[in-house]
Full PDB file with SEQRES, HELIX, SHEET, SSBOND, CRYST1, ORIGX, SCALE, CONECT and MASTER records, all heavy atoms in Angstrom:
SEQRES   1 A   42  GLU VAL VAL ALA SER ILE THR ASN ASN ASP SER THR GLU          
SEQRES   2 A   42  TYR GLY ASP PHE VAL LYS GLY ARG PHE THR ILE SER ARG          
SEQRES   3 A   42  ASP HIS ASP LYS ASN THR VAL TYR ARG GLN MET ASN ASP          
SEQRES   4 A   42  LEU GLU PRO                                                  
HELIX    1 AA1 ASP A   16  VAL A   18  5                                   3    
SHEET    1 AA1 2 ALA A   4  ILE A   6  0                                        
SHEET    2 AA1 2 THR A  12  TYR A  14 -1                                        
SHEET    1 AA2 2 PHE A  22  ASP A  27  0                                        
SHEET    2 AA2 2 THR A  32  MET A  37 -1                                        
CRYST1    1.000    1.000    1.000  90.00  90.00  90.00 P 1           1          
ORIGX1      1.000000  0.000000  0.000000        0.00000                         
ORIGX2      0.000000  1.000000  0.000000        0.00000                         
ORIGX3      0.000000  0.000000  1.000000        0.00000                         
SCALE1      1.000000  0.000000  0.000000        0.00000                         
SCALE2      0.000000  1.000000  0.000000        0.00000                         
SCALE3      0.000000  0.000000  1.000000        0.00000                         
ATOM      1  N   GLU A   1     -13.421   0.135 -30.417  1.00  0.00           N  
ATOM      2  CA  GLU A   1     -13.559   0.527 -29.015  1.00  0.00           C  
ATOM      3  C   GLU A   1     -12.537  -0.214 -28.156  1.00  0.00           C  
ATOM      4  O   GLU A   1     -12.089  -1.313 -28.492  1.00  0.00           O  
ATOM      5  CB  GLU A   1     -14.977   0.243 -28.504  1.00  0.00           C  
ATOM      6  CG  GLU A   1     -15.456  -1.177 -28.643  1.00  0.00           C  
ATOM      7  CD  GLU A   1     -16.901  -1.349 -28.234  1.00  0.00           C  
ATOM      8  OE1 GLU A   1     -17.502  -0.412 -27.650  1.00  0.00           O  
ATOM      9  OE2 GLU A   1     -17.449  -2.433 -28.500  1.00  0.00           O  
ATOM     10  N   VAL A   2     -12.205   0.401 -27.048  1.00  0.00           N  
ATOM     11  CA  VAL A   2     -11.250  -0.184 -26.122  1.00  0.00           C  
ATOM     12  C   VAL A   2     -11.944  -1.247 -25.284  1.00  0.00           C  
ATOM     13  O   VAL A   2     -13.014  -1.010 -24.721  1.00  0.00           O  
ATOM     14  CB  VAL A   2     -10.659   0.893 -25.189  1.00  0.00           C  
ATOM     15  CG1 VAL A   2      -9.709   0.256 -24.187  1.00  0.00           C  
ATOM     16  CG2 VAL A   2      -9.945   1.961 -26.008  1.00  0.00           C  
ATOM     17  N   VAL A   3     -11.320  -2.406 -25.198  1.00  0.00           N  
ATOM     18  CA  VAL A   3     -11.849  -3.490 -24.382  1.00  0.00           C  
ATOM     19  C   VAL A   3     -11.183  -3.491 -23.011  1.00  0.00           C  
ATOM     20  O   VAL A   3     -11.851  -3.505 -21.980  1.00  0.00           O  
ATOM     21  CB  VAL A   3     -11.640  -4.855 -25.061  1.00  0.00           C  
ATOM     22  CG1 VAL A   3     -12.170  -5.976 -24.170  1.00  0.00           C  
ATOM     23  CG2 VAL A   3     -12.302  -4.887 -26.430  1.00  0.00           C  
ATOM     24  N   ALA A   4      -9.861  -3.493 -23.016  1.00  0.00           N  
ATOM     25  CA  ALA A   4      -9.124  -3.542 -21.756  1.00  0.00           C  
ATOM     26  C   ALA A   4      -7.698  -3.082 -22.007  1.00  0.00           C  
ATOM     27  O   ALA A   4      -7.203  -3.166 -23.131  1.00  0.00           O  
ATOM     28  CB  ALA A   4      -9.122  -4.955 -21.176  1.00  0.00           C  
ATOM     29  N   SER A   5      -7.046  -2.613 -20.964  1.00  0.00           N  
ATOM     30  CA  SER A   5      -5.650  -2.214 -21.080  1.00  0.00           C  
ATOM     31  C   SER A   5      -4.920  -2.527 -19.785  1.00  0.00           C  
ATOM     32  O   SER A   5      -5.535  -2.646 -18.711  1.00  0.00           O  
ATOM     33  CB  SER A   5      -5.540  -0.730 -21.417  1.00  0.00           C  
ATOM     34  OG  SER A   5      -6.039   0.054 -20.366  1.00  0.00           O  
ATOM     35  N   ILE A   6      -3.592  -2.636 -19.909  1.00  0.00           N  
ATOM     36  CA  ILE A   6      -2.753  -2.910 -18.740  1.00  0.00           C  
ATOM     37  C   ILE A   6      -1.428  -2.204 -18.937  1.00  0.00           C  
ATOM     38  O   ILE A   6      -0.870  -2.179 -20.038  1.00  0.00           O  
ATOM     39  CB  ILE A   6      -2.571  -4.438 -18.547  1.00  0.00           C  
ATOM     40  CG1 ILE A   6      -1.841  -4.732 -17.239  1.00  0.00           C  
ATOM     41  CG2 ILE A   6      -1.853  -5.069 -19.735  1.00  0.00           C  
ATOM     42  CD1 ILE A   6      -1.905  -6.207 -16.836  1.00  0.00           C  
ATOM     43  N   THR A   7      -0.905  -1.614 -17.875  1.00  0.00           N  
ATOM     44  CA  THR A   7       0.372  -0.914 -17.950  1.00  0.00           C  
ATOM     45  C   THR A   7       1.497  -1.810 -17.440  1.00  0.00           C  
ATOM     46  O   THR A   7       1.263  -2.920 -16.969  1.00  0.00           O  
ATOM     47  CB  THR A   7       0.326   0.372 -17.117  1.00  0.00           C  
ATOM     48  OG1 THR A   7       0.172   0.010 -15.739  1.00  0.00           O  
ATOM     49  CG2 THR A   7      -0.824   1.264 -17.552  1.00  0.00           C  
ATOM     50  N   ASN A   8       2.724  -1.288 -17.501  1.00  0.00           N  
ATOM     51  CA  ASN A   8       3.856  -2.115 -17.081  1.00  0.00           C  
ATOM     52  C   ASN A   8       3.883  -2.324 -15.577  1.00  0.00           C  
ATOM     53  O   ASN A   8       4.612  -3.192 -15.085  1.00  0.00           O  
ATOM     54  CB  ASN A   8       5.172  -1.504 -17.561  1.00  0.00           C  
ATOM     55  CG  ASN A   8       5.384  -0.118 -17.024  1.00  0.00           C  
ATOM     56  OD1 ASN A   8       4.482   0.507 -16.499  1.00  0.00           O  
ATOM     57  ND2 ASN A   8       6.592   0.389 -17.154  1.00  0.00           N  
ATOM     58  N   ASN A   9       3.105  -1.561 -14.813  1.00  0.00           N  
ATOM     59  CA  ASN A   9       3.005  -1.828 -13.371  1.00  0.00           C  
ATOM     60  C   ASN A   9       1.682  -2.514 -13.029  1.00  0.00           C  
ATOM     61  O   ASN A   9       1.229  -2.479 -11.888  1.00  0.00           O  
ATOM     62  CB  ASN A   9       3.160  -0.535 -12.564  1.00  0.00           C  
ATOM     63  CG  ASN A   9       2.065   0.467 -12.882  1.00  0.00           C  
ATOM     64  OD1 ASN A   9       1.224   0.237 -13.728  1.00  0.00           O  
ATOM     65  ND2 ASN A   9       2.095   1.590 -12.189  1.00  0.00           N  
ATOM     66  N   ASP A  10       1.064  -3.138 -14.069  1.00  0.00           N  
ATOM     67  CA  ASP A  10      -0.131  -3.966 -13.926  1.00  0.00           C  
ATOM     68  C   ASP A  10      -1.382  -3.203 -13.510  1.00  0.00           C  
ATOM     69  O   ASP A  10      -2.298  -3.788 -12.926  1.00  0.00           O  
ATOM     70  CB  ASP A  10       0.131  -5.130 -12.962  1.00  0.00           C  
ATOM     71  CG  ASP A  10       1.143  -6.124 -13.522  1.00  0.00           C  
ATOM     72  OD1 ASP A  10       1.215  -6.259 -14.761  1.00  0.00           O  
ATOM     73  OD2 ASP A  10       1.878  -6.730 -12.727  1.00  0.00           O  
ATOM     74  N   SER A  11      -1.432  -1.939 -13.812  1.00  0.00           N  
ATOM     75  CA  SER A  11      -2.657  -1.174 -13.615  1.00  0.00           C  
ATOM     76  C   SER A  11      -3.591  -1.463 -14.788  1.00  0.00           C  
ATOM     77  O   SER A  11      -3.177  -1.379 -15.947  1.00  0.00           O  
ATOM     78  CB  SER A  11      -2.339   0.313 -13.552  1.00  0.00           C  
ATOM     79  OG  SER A  11      -3.526   1.073 -13.472  1.00  0.00           O  
ATOM     80  N   THR A  12      -4.849  -1.796 -14.511  1.00  0.00           N  
ATOM     81  CA  THR A  12      -5.769  -2.216 -15.564  1.00  0.00           C  
ATOM     82  C   THR A  12      -6.978  -1.294 -15.675  1.00  0.00           C  
ATOM     83  O   THR A  12      -7.382  -0.661 -14.694  1.00  0.00           O  
ATOM     84  CB  THR A  12      -6.274  -3.649 -15.325  1.00  0.00           C  
ATOM     85  OG1 THR A  12      -6.938  -3.700 -14.060  1.00  0.00           O  
ATOM     86  CG2 THR A  12      -5.123  -4.641 -15.330  1.00  0.00           C  
ATOM     87  N   GLU A  13      -7.521  -1.235 -16.878  1.00  0.00           N  
ATOM     88  CA  GLU A  13      -8.766  -0.522 -17.130  1.00  0.00           C  
ATOM     89  C   GLU A  13      -9.599  -1.340 -18.101  1.00  0.00           C  
ATOM     90  O   GLU A  13      -9.043  -2.071 -18.933  1.00  0.00           O  
ATOM     91  CB  GLU A  13      -8.499   0.868 -17.701  1.00  0.00           C  
ATOM     92  CG  GLU A  13      -7.870   1.837 -16.729  1.00  0.00           C  
ATOM     93  CD  GLU A  13      -7.809   3.256 -17.250  1.00  0.00           C  
ATOM     94  OE1 GLU A  13      -8.340   3.500 -18.359  1.00  0.00           O  
ATOM     95  OE2 GLU A  13      -7.248   4.118 -16.563  1.00  0.00           O  
ATOM     96  N   TYR A  14     -10.928  -1.183 -18.006  1.00  0.00           N  
ATOM     97  CA  TYR A  14     -11.830  -1.952 -18.858  1.00  0.00           C  
ATOM     98  C   TYR A  14     -12.908  -1.052 -19.441  1.00  0.00           C  
ATOM     99  O   TYR A  14     -13.311  -0.051 -18.818  1.00  0.00           O  
ATOM    100  CB  TYR A  14     -12.503  -3.071 -18.051  1.00  0.00           C  
ATOM    101  CG  TYR A  14     -11.538  -4.102 -17.538  1.00  0.00           C  
ATOM    102  CD1 TYR A  14     -10.944  -3.972 -16.287  1.00  0.00           C  
ATOM    103  CD2 TYR A  14     -11.217  -5.212 -18.309  1.00  0.00           C  
ATOM    104  CE1 TYR A  14     -10.052  -4.919 -15.822  1.00  0.00           C  
ATOM    105  CE2 TYR A  14     -10.334  -6.168 -17.854  1.00  0.00           C  
ATOM    106  CZ  TYR A  14      -9.749  -6.012 -16.604  1.00  0.00           C  
ATOM    107  OH  TYR A  14      -8.858  -6.954 -16.155  1.00  0.00           O  
ATOM    108  N   GLY A  15     -13.397  -1.440 -20.627  1.00  0.00           N  
ATOM    109  CA  GLY A  15     -14.528  -0.742 -21.200  1.00  0.00           C  
ATOM    110  C   GLY A  15     -15.772  -0.983 -20.365  1.00  0.00           C  
ATOM    111  O   GLY A  15     -15.895  -2.024 -19.700  1.00  0.00           O  
ATOM    112  N   ASP A  16     -16.683  -0.030 -20.385  1.00  0.00           N  
ATOM    113  CA  ASP A  16     -17.893  -0.132 -19.558  1.00  0.00           C  
ATOM    114  C   ASP A  16     -18.699  -1.381 -19.877  1.00  0.00           C  
ATOM    115  O   ASP A  16     -19.336  -1.962 -18.998  1.00  0.00           O  
ATOM    116  CB  ASP A  16     -18.775   1.109 -19.759  1.00  0.00           C  
ATOM    117  CG  ASP A  16     -18.139   2.361 -19.186  1.00  0.00           C  
ATOM    118  OD1 ASP A  16     -17.246   2.227 -18.326  1.00  0.00           O  
ATOM    119  OD2 ASP A  16     -18.518   3.474 -19.598  1.00  0.00           O  
ATOM    120  N   PHE A  17     -18.666  -1.810 -21.122  1.00  0.00           N  
ATOM    121  CA  PHE A  17     -19.490  -2.948 -21.531  1.00  0.00           C  
ATOM    122  C   PHE A  17     -18.959  -4.276 -20.981  1.00  0.00           C  
ATOM    123  O   PHE A  17     -19.630  -5.290 -21.038  1.00  0.00           O  
ATOM    124  CB  PHE A  17     -19.562  -3.032 -23.066  1.00  0.00           C  
ATOM    125  CG  PHE A  17     -18.211  -3.192 -23.704  1.00  0.00           C  
ATOM    126  CD1 PHE A  17     -17.655  -4.454 -23.871  1.00  0.00           C  
ATOM    127  CD2 PHE A  17     -17.491  -2.096 -24.131  1.00  0.00           C  
ATOM    128  CE1 PHE A  17     -16.413  -4.611 -24.459  1.00  0.00           C  
ATOM    129  CE2 PHE A  17     -16.245  -2.237 -24.722  1.00  0.00           C  
ATOM    130  CZ  PHE A  17     -15.697  -3.502 -24.879  1.00  0.00           C  
ATOM    131  N   VAL A  18     -17.729  -4.283 -20.470  1.00  0.00           N  
ATOM    132  CA  VAL A  18     -17.126  -5.527 -19.990  1.00  0.00           C  
ATOM    133  C   VAL A  18     -17.895  -6.071 -18.780  1.00  0.00           C  
ATOM    134  O   VAL A  18     -18.128  -7.276 -18.672  1.00  0.00           O  
ATOM    135  CB  VAL A  18     -15.643  -5.300 -19.652  1.00  0.00           C  
ATOM    136  CG1 VAL A  18     -15.073  -6.509 -18.929  1.00  0.00           C  
ATOM    137  CG2 VAL A  18     -14.859  -5.019 -20.922  1.00  0.00           C  
ATOM    138  N   LYS A  19     -18.264  -5.196 -17.859  1.00  0.00           N  
ATOM    139  CA  LYS A  19     -19.105  -5.554 -16.718  1.00  0.00           C  
ATOM    140  C   LYS A  19     -18.560  -6.747 -15.940  1.00  0.00           C  
ATOM    141  O   LYS A  19     -19.299  -7.641 -15.539  1.00  0.00           O  
ATOM    142  CB  LYS A  19     -20.538  -5.848 -17.195  1.00  0.00           C  
ATOM    143  CG  LYS A  19     -21.204  -4.656 -17.867  1.00  0.00           C  
ATOM    144  CD  LYS A  19     -22.585  -5.024 -18.386  1.00  0.00           C  
ATOM    145  CE  LYS A  19     -23.212  -3.850 -19.128  1.00  0.00           C  
ATOM    146  NZ  LYS A  19     -24.525  -4.201 -19.701  1.00  0.00           N  
ATOM    147  N   GLY A  20     -17.243  -6.786 -15.743  1.00  0.00           N  
ATOM    148  CA  GLY A  20     -16.639  -7.836 -14.938  1.00  0.00           C  
ATOM    149  C   GLY A  20     -16.484  -9.173 -15.645  1.00  0.00           C  
ATOM    150  O   GLY A  20     -16.045 -10.143 -15.026  1.00  0.00           O  
ATOM    151  N   ARG A  21     -16.794  -9.237 -16.920  1.00  0.00           N  
ATOM    152  CA  ARG A  21     -16.717 -10.514 -17.627  1.00  0.00           C  
ATOM    153  C   ARG A  21     -15.325 -10.824 -18.151  1.00  0.00           C  
ATOM    154  O   ARG A  21     -14.991 -11.991 -18.385  1.00  0.00           O  
ATOM    155  CB  ARG A  21     -17.708 -10.487 -18.804  1.00  0.00           C  
ATOM    156  CG  ARG A  21     -19.156 -10.288 -18.384  1.00  0.00           C  
ATOM    157  CD  ARG A  21     -20.073 -10.266 -19.598  1.00  0.00           C  
ATOM    158  NE  ARG A  21     -19.795  -9.138 -20.479  1.00  0.00           N  
ATOM    159  CZ  ARG A  21     -19.599  -9.239 -21.776  1.00  0.00           C  
ATOM    160  NH1 ARG A  21     -19.646 -10.414 -22.376  1.00  0.00           N  
ATOM    161  NH2 ARG A  21     -19.342  -8.159 -22.515  1.00  0.00           N  
ATOM    162  N   PHE A  22     -14.524  -9.812 -18.392  1.00  0.00           N  
ATOM    163  CA  PHE A  22     -13.201 -10.004 -18.998  1.00  0.00           C  
ATOM    164  C   PHE A  22     -12.109  -9.653 -17.984  1.00  0.00           C  
ATOM    165  O   PHE A  22     -12.298  -8.770 -17.136  1.00  0.00           O  
ATOM    166  CB  PHE A  22     -13.019  -9.106 -20.215  1.00  0.00           C  
ATOM    167  CG  PHE A  22     -14.009  -9.323 -21.329  1.00  0.00           C  
ATOM    168  CD1 PHE A  22     -14.064  -8.418 -22.385  1.00  0.00           C  
ATOM    169  CD2 PHE A  22     -14.872 -10.407 -21.347  1.00  0.00           C  
ATOM    170  CE1 PHE A  22     -14.959  -8.588 -23.422  1.00  0.00           C  
ATOM    171  CE2 PHE A  22     -15.768 -10.587 -22.390  1.00  0.00           C  
ATOM    172  CZ  PHE A  22     -15.815  -9.665 -23.421  1.00  0.00           C  
ATOM    173  N   THR A  23     -10.955 -10.307 -18.127  1.00  0.00           N  
ATOM    174  CA  THR A  23      -9.802 -10.007 -17.283  1.00  0.00           C  
ATOM    175  C   THR A  23      -8.564  -9.941 -18.154  1.00  0.00           C  
ATOM    176  O   THR A  23      -8.300 -10.860 -18.935  1.00  0.00           O  
ATOM    177  CB  THR A  23      -9.609 -11.093 -16.215  1.00  0.00           C  
ATOM    178  OG1 THR A  23     -10.790 -11.201 -15.422  1.00  0.00           O  
ATOM    179  CG2 THR A  23      -8.431 -10.733 -15.309  1.00  0.00           C  
ATOM    180  N   ILE A  24      -7.800  -8.870 -18.014  1.00  0.00           N  
ATOM    181  CA  ILE A  24      -6.548  -8.733 -18.745  1.00  0.00           C  
ATOM    182  C   ILE A  24      -5.395  -8.981 -17.779  1.00  0.00           C  
ATOM    183  O   ILE A  24      -5.447  -8.587 -16.612  1.00  0.00           O  
ATOM    184  CB  ILE A  24      -6.430  -7.335 -19.404  1.00  0.00           C  
ATOM    185  CG1 ILE A  24      -5.220  -7.274 -20.332  1.00  0.00           C  
ATOM    186  CG2 ILE A  24      -6.378  -6.219 -18.365  1.00  0.00           C  
ATOM    187  CD1 ILE A  24      -5.162  -6.022 -21.188  1.00  0.00           C  
ATOM    188  N   SER A  25      -4.366  -9.670 -18.273  1.00  0.00           N  
ATOM    189  CA  SER A  25      -3.187  -9.954 -17.449  1.00  0.00           C  
ATOM    190  C   SER A  25      -1.973 -10.021 -18.363  1.00  0.00           C  
ATOM    191  O   SER A  25      -2.105 -10.056 -19.587  1.00  0.00           O  
ATOM    192  CB  SER A  25      -3.359 -11.265 -16.692  1.00  0.00           C  
ATOM    193  OG  SER A  25      -3.530 -12.344 -17.594  1.00  0.00           O  
ATOM    194  N   ARG A  26      -0.805 -10.035 -17.775  1.00  0.00           N  
ATOM    195  CA  ARG A  26       0.398 -10.113 -18.599  1.00  0.00           C  
ATOM    196  C   ARG A  26       1.462 -10.961 -17.922  1.00  0.00           C  
ATOM    197  O   ARG A  26       1.533 -11.038 -16.694  1.00  0.00           O  
ATOM    198  CB  ARG A  26       0.943  -8.722 -18.906  1.00  0.00           C  
ATOM    199  CG  ARG A  26       1.358  -7.908 -17.711  1.00  0.00           C  
ATOM    200  CD  ARG A  26       1.718  -6.481 -18.129  1.00  0.00           C  
ATOM    201  NE  ARG A  26       3.007  -6.455 -18.832  1.00  0.00           N  
ATOM    202  CZ  ARG A  26       3.487  -5.404 -19.480  1.00  0.00           C  
ATOM    203  NH1 ARG A  26       2.778  -4.289 -19.538  1.00  0.00           N  
ATOM    204  NH2 ARG A  26       4.647  -5.444 -20.084  1.00  0.00           N  
ATOM    205  N   ASP A  27       2.283 -11.588 -18.766  1.00  0.00           N  
ATOM    206  CA  ASP A  27       3.441 -12.347 -18.330  1.00  0.00           C  
ATOM    207  C   ASP A  27       4.663 -11.580 -18.811  1.00  0.00           C  
ATOM    208  O   ASP A  27       4.980 -11.579 -20.000  1.00  0.00           O  
ATOM    209  CB  ASP A  27       3.390 -13.757 -18.923  1.00  0.00           C  
ATOM    210  CG  ASP A  27       4.515 -14.644 -18.420  1.00  0.00           C  
ATOM    211  OD1 ASP A  27       5.637 -14.127 -18.218  1.00  0.00           O  
ATOM    212  OD2 ASP A  27       4.287 -15.846 -18.244  1.00  0.00           O  
ATOM    213  N   HIS A  28       5.356 -10.934 -17.899  1.00  0.00           N  
ATOM    214  CA  HIS A  28       6.486 -10.094 -18.281  1.00  0.00           C  
ATOM    215  C   HIS A  28       7.599 -10.911 -18.941  1.00  0.00           C  
ATOM    216  O   HIS A  28       8.210 -10.470 -19.914  1.00  0.00           O  
ATOM    217  CB  HIS A  28       7.029  -9.357 -17.050  1.00  0.00           C  
ATOM    218  CG  HIS A  28       6.087  -8.358 -16.489  1.00  0.00           C  
ATOM    219  ND1 HIS A  28       6.124  -7.017 -16.846  1.00  0.00           N  
ATOM    220  CD2 HIS A  28       5.064  -8.469 -15.624  1.00  0.00           C  
ATOM    221  CE1 HIS A  28       5.177  -6.362 -16.200  1.00  0.00           C  
ATOM    222  NE2 HIS A  28       4.510  -7.228 -15.453  1.00  0.00           N  
ATOM    223  N   ASP A  29       7.849 -12.108 -18.414  1.00  0.00           N  
ATOM    224  CA  ASP A  29       8.951 -12.924 -18.942  1.00  0.00           C  
ATOM    225  C   ASP A  29       8.680 -13.364 -20.373  1.00  0.00           C  
ATOM    226  O   ASP A  29       9.598 -13.493 -21.181  1.00  0.00           O  
ATOM    227  CB  ASP A  29       9.170 -14.143 -18.056  1.00  0.00           C  
ATOM    228  CG  ASP A  29       9.702 -13.761 -16.688  1.00  0.00           C  
ATOM    229  OD1 ASP A  29      10.321 -12.678 -16.569  1.00  0.00           O  
ATOM    230  OD2 ASP A  29       9.511 -14.539 -15.732  1.00  0.00           O  
ATOM    231  N   LYS A  30       7.407 -13.630 -20.707  1.00  0.00           N  
ATOM    232  CA  LYS A  30       7.055 -14.098 -22.040  1.00  0.00           C  
ATOM    233  C   LYS A  30       6.647 -12.952 -22.964  1.00  0.00           C  
ATOM    234  O   LYS A  30       6.307 -13.187 -24.124  1.00  0.00           O  
ATOM    235  CB  LYS A  30       5.903 -15.102 -21.946  1.00  0.00           C  
ATOM    236  CG  LYS A  30       6.273 -16.393 -21.215  1.00  0.00           C  
ATOM    237  CD  LYS A  30       5.094 -17.361 -21.183  1.00  0.00           C  
ATOM    238  CE  LYS A  30       5.478 -18.642 -20.476  1.00  0.00           C  
ATOM    239  NZ  LYS A  30       4.337 -19.592 -20.411  1.00  0.00           N  
ATOM    240  N   ASN A  31       6.653 -11.724 -22.454  1.00  0.00           N  
ATOM    241  CA  ASN A  31       6.230 -10.559 -23.247  1.00  0.00           C  
ATOM    242  C   ASN A  31       4.852 -10.797 -23.864  1.00  0.00           C  
ATOM    243  O   ASN A  31       4.603 -10.435 -25.027  1.00  0.00           O  
ATOM    244  CB  ASN A  31       7.248 -10.245 -24.345  1.00  0.00           C  
ATOM    245  CG  ASN A  31       7.416  -8.755 -24.548  1.00  0.00           C  
ATOM    246  OD1 ASN A  31       6.894  -7.940 -23.790  1.00  0.00           O  
ATOM    247  ND2 ASN A  31       8.128  -8.381 -25.597  1.00  0.00           N  
ATOM    248  N   THR A  32       3.988 -11.387 -23.079  1.00  0.00           N  
ATOM    249  CA  THR A  32       2.666 -11.785 -23.555  1.00  0.00           C  
ATOM    250  C   THR A  32       1.583 -11.172 -22.680  1.00  0.00           C  
ATOM    251  O   THR A  32       1.732 -11.094 -21.455  1.00  0.00           O  
ATOM    252  CB  THR A  32       2.530 -13.319 -23.542  1.00  0.00           C  
ATOM    253  OG1 THR A  32       3.532 -13.875 -24.391  1.00  0.00           O  
ATOM    254  CG2 THR A  32       1.161 -13.757 -24.035  1.00  0.00           C  
ATOM    255  N   VAL A  33       0.516 -10.761 -23.335  1.00  0.00           N  
ATOM    256  CA  VAL A  33      -0.665 -10.248 -22.647  1.00  0.00           C  
ATOM    257  C   VAL A  33      -1.821 -11.191 -22.936  1.00  0.00           C  
ATOM    258  O   VAL A  33      -1.981 -11.651 -24.077  1.00  0.00           O  
ATOM    259  CB  VAL A  33      -1.008  -8.822 -23.119  1.00  0.00           C  
ATOM    260  CG1 VAL A  33      -2.335  -8.358 -22.528  1.00  0.00           C  
ATOM    261  CG2 VAL A  33       0.092  -7.857 -22.720  1.00  0.00           C  
ATOM    262  N   TYR A  34      -2.611 -11.457 -21.925  1.00  0.00           N  
ATOM    263  CA  TYR A  34      -3.742 -12.365 -22.065  1.00  0.00           C  
ATOM    264  C   TYR A  34      -5.039 -11.605 -21.774  1.00  0.00           C  
ATOM    265  O   TYR A  34      -5.058 -10.610 -21.057  1.00  0.00           O  
ATOM    266  CB  TYR A  34      -3.628 -13.525 -21.079  1.00  0.00           C  
ATOM    267  CG  TYR A  34      -2.357 -14.305 -21.196  1.00  0.00           C  
ATOM    268  CD1 TYR A  34      -1.278 -14.053 -20.351  1.00  0.00           C  
ATOM    269  CD2 TYR A  34      -2.218 -15.310 -22.150  1.00  0.00           C  
ATOM    270  CE1 TYR A  34      -0.105 -14.762 -20.457  1.00  0.00           C  
ATOM    271  CE2 TYR A  34      -1.048 -16.038 -22.257  1.00  0.00           C  
ATOM    272  CZ  TYR A  34       0.001 -15.763 -21.410  1.00  0.00           C  
ATOM    273  OH  TYR A  34       1.165 -16.476 -21.529  1.00  0.00           O  
ATOM    274  N   ARG A  35      -6.100 -12.135 -22.340  1.00  0.00           N  
ATOM    275  CA  ARG A  35      -7.412 -11.622 -21.983  1.00  0.00           C  
ATOM    276  C   ARG A  35      -8.371 -12.782 -21.873  1.00  0.00           C  
ATOM    277  O   ARG A  35      -8.673 -13.444 -22.868  1.00  0.00           O  
ATOM    278  CB  ARG A  35      -7.927 -10.609 -22.980  1.00  0.00           C  
ATOM    279  CG  ARG A  35      -9.207  -9.919 -22.531  1.00  0.00           C  
ATOM    280  CD  ARG A  35      -9.401  -8.623 -23.270  1.00  0.00           C  
ATOM    281  NE  ARG A  35      -9.380  -8.852 -24.699  1.00  0.00           N  
ATOM    282  CZ  ARG A  35     -10.434  -9.259 -25.393  1.00  0.00           C  
ATOM    283  NH1 ARG A  35     -11.566  -9.488 -24.784  1.00  0.00           N  
ATOM    284  NH2 ARG A  35     -10.336  -9.442 -26.690  1.00  0.00           N  
ATOM    285  N   GLN A  36      -8.836 -13.014 -20.668  1.00  0.00           N  
ATOM    286  CA  GLN A  36      -9.819 -14.048 -20.412  1.00  0.00           C  
ATOM    287  C   GLN A  36     -11.207 -13.438 -20.574  1.00  0.00           C  
ATOM    288  O   GLN A  36     -11.506 -12.405 -19.949  1.00  0.00           O  
ATOM    289  CB  GLN A  36      -9.651 -14.612 -18.994  1.00  0.00           C  
ATOM    290  CG  GLN A  36     -10.672 -15.667 -18.614  1.00  0.00           C  
ATOM    291  CD  GLN A  36     -10.489 -16.954 -19.397  1.00  0.00           C  
ATOM    292  OE1 GLN A  36      -9.367 -17.372 -19.664  1.00  0.00           O  
ATOM    293  NE2 GLN A  36     -11.592 -17.590 -19.773  1.00  0.00           N  
ATOM    294  N   MET A  37     -12.019 -14.045 -21.410  1.00  0.00           N  
ATOM    295  CA  MET A  37     -13.372 -13.543 -21.650  1.00  0.00           C  
ATOM    296  C   MET A  37     -14.375 -14.608 -21.223  1.00  0.00           C  
ATOM    297  O   MET A  37     -14.362 -15.724 -21.763  1.00  0.00           O  
ATOM    298  CB  MET A  37     -13.568 -13.214 -23.132  1.00  0.00           C  
ATOM    299  CG  MET A  37     -12.564 -12.220 -23.672  1.00  0.00           C  
ATOM    300  SD  MET A  37     -12.956 -11.667 -25.351  1.00  0.00           S  
ATOM    301  CE  MET A  37     -12.767 -13.212 -26.247  1.00  0.00           C  
ATOM    302  N   ASN A  38     -15.212 -14.267 -20.287  1.00  0.00           N  
ATOM    303  CA  ASN A  38     -16.239 -15.189 -19.794  1.00  0.00           C  
ATOM    304  C   ASN A  38     -17.624 -14.631 -20.090  1.00  0.00           C  
ATOM    305  O   ASN A  38     -17.783 -13.436 -20.344  1.00  0.00           O  
ATOM    306  CB  ASN A  38     -16.076 -15.399 -18.290  1.00  0.00           C  
ATOM    307  CG  ASN A  38     -14.744 -16.016 -17.929  1.00  0.00           C  
ATOM    308  OD1 ASN A  38     -14.214 -16.861 -18.644  1.00  0.00           O  
ATOM    309  ND2 ASN A  38     -14.190 -15.589 -16.805  1.00  0.00           N  
ATOM    310  N   ASP A  39     -18.613 -15.515 -20.047  1.00  0.00           N  
ATOM    311  CA  ASP A  39     -20.009 -15.115 -20.234  1.00  0.00           C  
ATOM    312  C   ASP A  39     -20.163 -14.283 -21.520  1.00  0.00           C  
ATOM    313  O   ASP A  39     -20.738 -13.191 -21.501  1.00  0.00           O  
ATOM    314  CB  ASP A  39     -20.494 -14.311 -19.019  1.00  0.00           C  
ATOM    315  CG  ASP A  39     -21.999 -14.170 -18.982  1.00  0.00           C  
ATOM    316  OD1 ASP A  39     -22.697 -14.961 -19.649  1.00  0.00           O  
ATOM    317  OD2 ASP A  39     -22.493 -13.239 -18.307  1.00  0.00           O  
ATOM    318  N   LEU A  40     -19.636 -14.791 -22.595  1.00  0.00           N  
ATOM    319  CA  LEU A  40     -19.664 -14.071 -23.856  1.00  0.00           C  
ATOM    320  C   LEU A  40     -21.084 -13.937 -24.393  1.00  0.00           C  
ATOM    321  O   LEU A  40     -21.929 -14.821 -24.198  1.00  0.00           O  
ATOM    322  CB  LEU A  40     -18.785 -14.775 -24.884  1.00  0.00           C  
ATOM    323  CG  LEU A  40     -17.287 -14.567 -24.668  1.00  0.00           C  
ATOM    324  CD1 LEU A  40     -16.478 -15.622 -25.392  1.00  0.00           C  
ATOM    325  CD2 LEU A  40     -16.878 -13.175 -25.114  1.00  0.00           C  
ATOM    326  N   GLU A  41     -21.301 -12.809 -25.062  1.00  0.00           N  
ATOM    327  CA  GLU A  41     -22.604 -12.486 -25.631  1.00  0.00           C  
ATOM    328  C   GLU A  41     -22.462 -12.290 -27.139  1.00  0.00           C  
ATOM    329  O   GLU A  41     -21.378 -11.958 -27.621  1.00  0.00           O  
ATOM    330  CB  GLU A  41     -23.124 -11.192 -25.001  1.00  0.00           C  
ATOM    331  CG  GLU A  41     -23.189 -11.203 -23.494  1.00  0.00           C  
ATOM    332  CD  GLU A  41     -23.411  -9.814 -22.914  1.00  0.00           C  
ATOM    333  OE1 GLU A  41     -23.363  -8.817 -23.664  1.00  0.00           O  
ATOM    334  OE2 GLU A  41     -23.645  -9.734 -21.675  1.00  0.00           O  
ATOM    335  N   PRO A  42     -23.540 -12.476 -27.890  1.00  0.00           N  
ATOM    336  CA  PRO A  42     -23.461 -12.223 -29.340  1.00  0.00           C  
ATOM    337  C   PRO A  42     -22.945 -10.812 -29.660  1.00  0.00           C  
ATOM    338  O   PRO A  42     -22.274 -10.632 -30.680  1.00  0.00           O  
ATOM    339  CB  PRO A  42     -24.904 -12.417 -29.798  1.00  0.00           C  
ATOM    340  CG  PRO A  42     -25.461 -13.437 -28.843  1.00  0.00           C  
ATOM    341  CD  PRO A  42     -24.836 -13.088 -27.516  1.00  0.00           C  
TER     342      PRO A  42                                                      
MASTER        0    0    0    1    4    0    0    6  341    1    0    4          
END                                                                             
């Protein structure tokens, strides 16, 4: 299942189950994408 996505203009989308707990971001210079996950559940 899809958790999160981000485009090259930083438009983001999240799976319904995320419920504001996760954040996706990217560093263009480092060609790196990050995902911060908070309030994790089993």
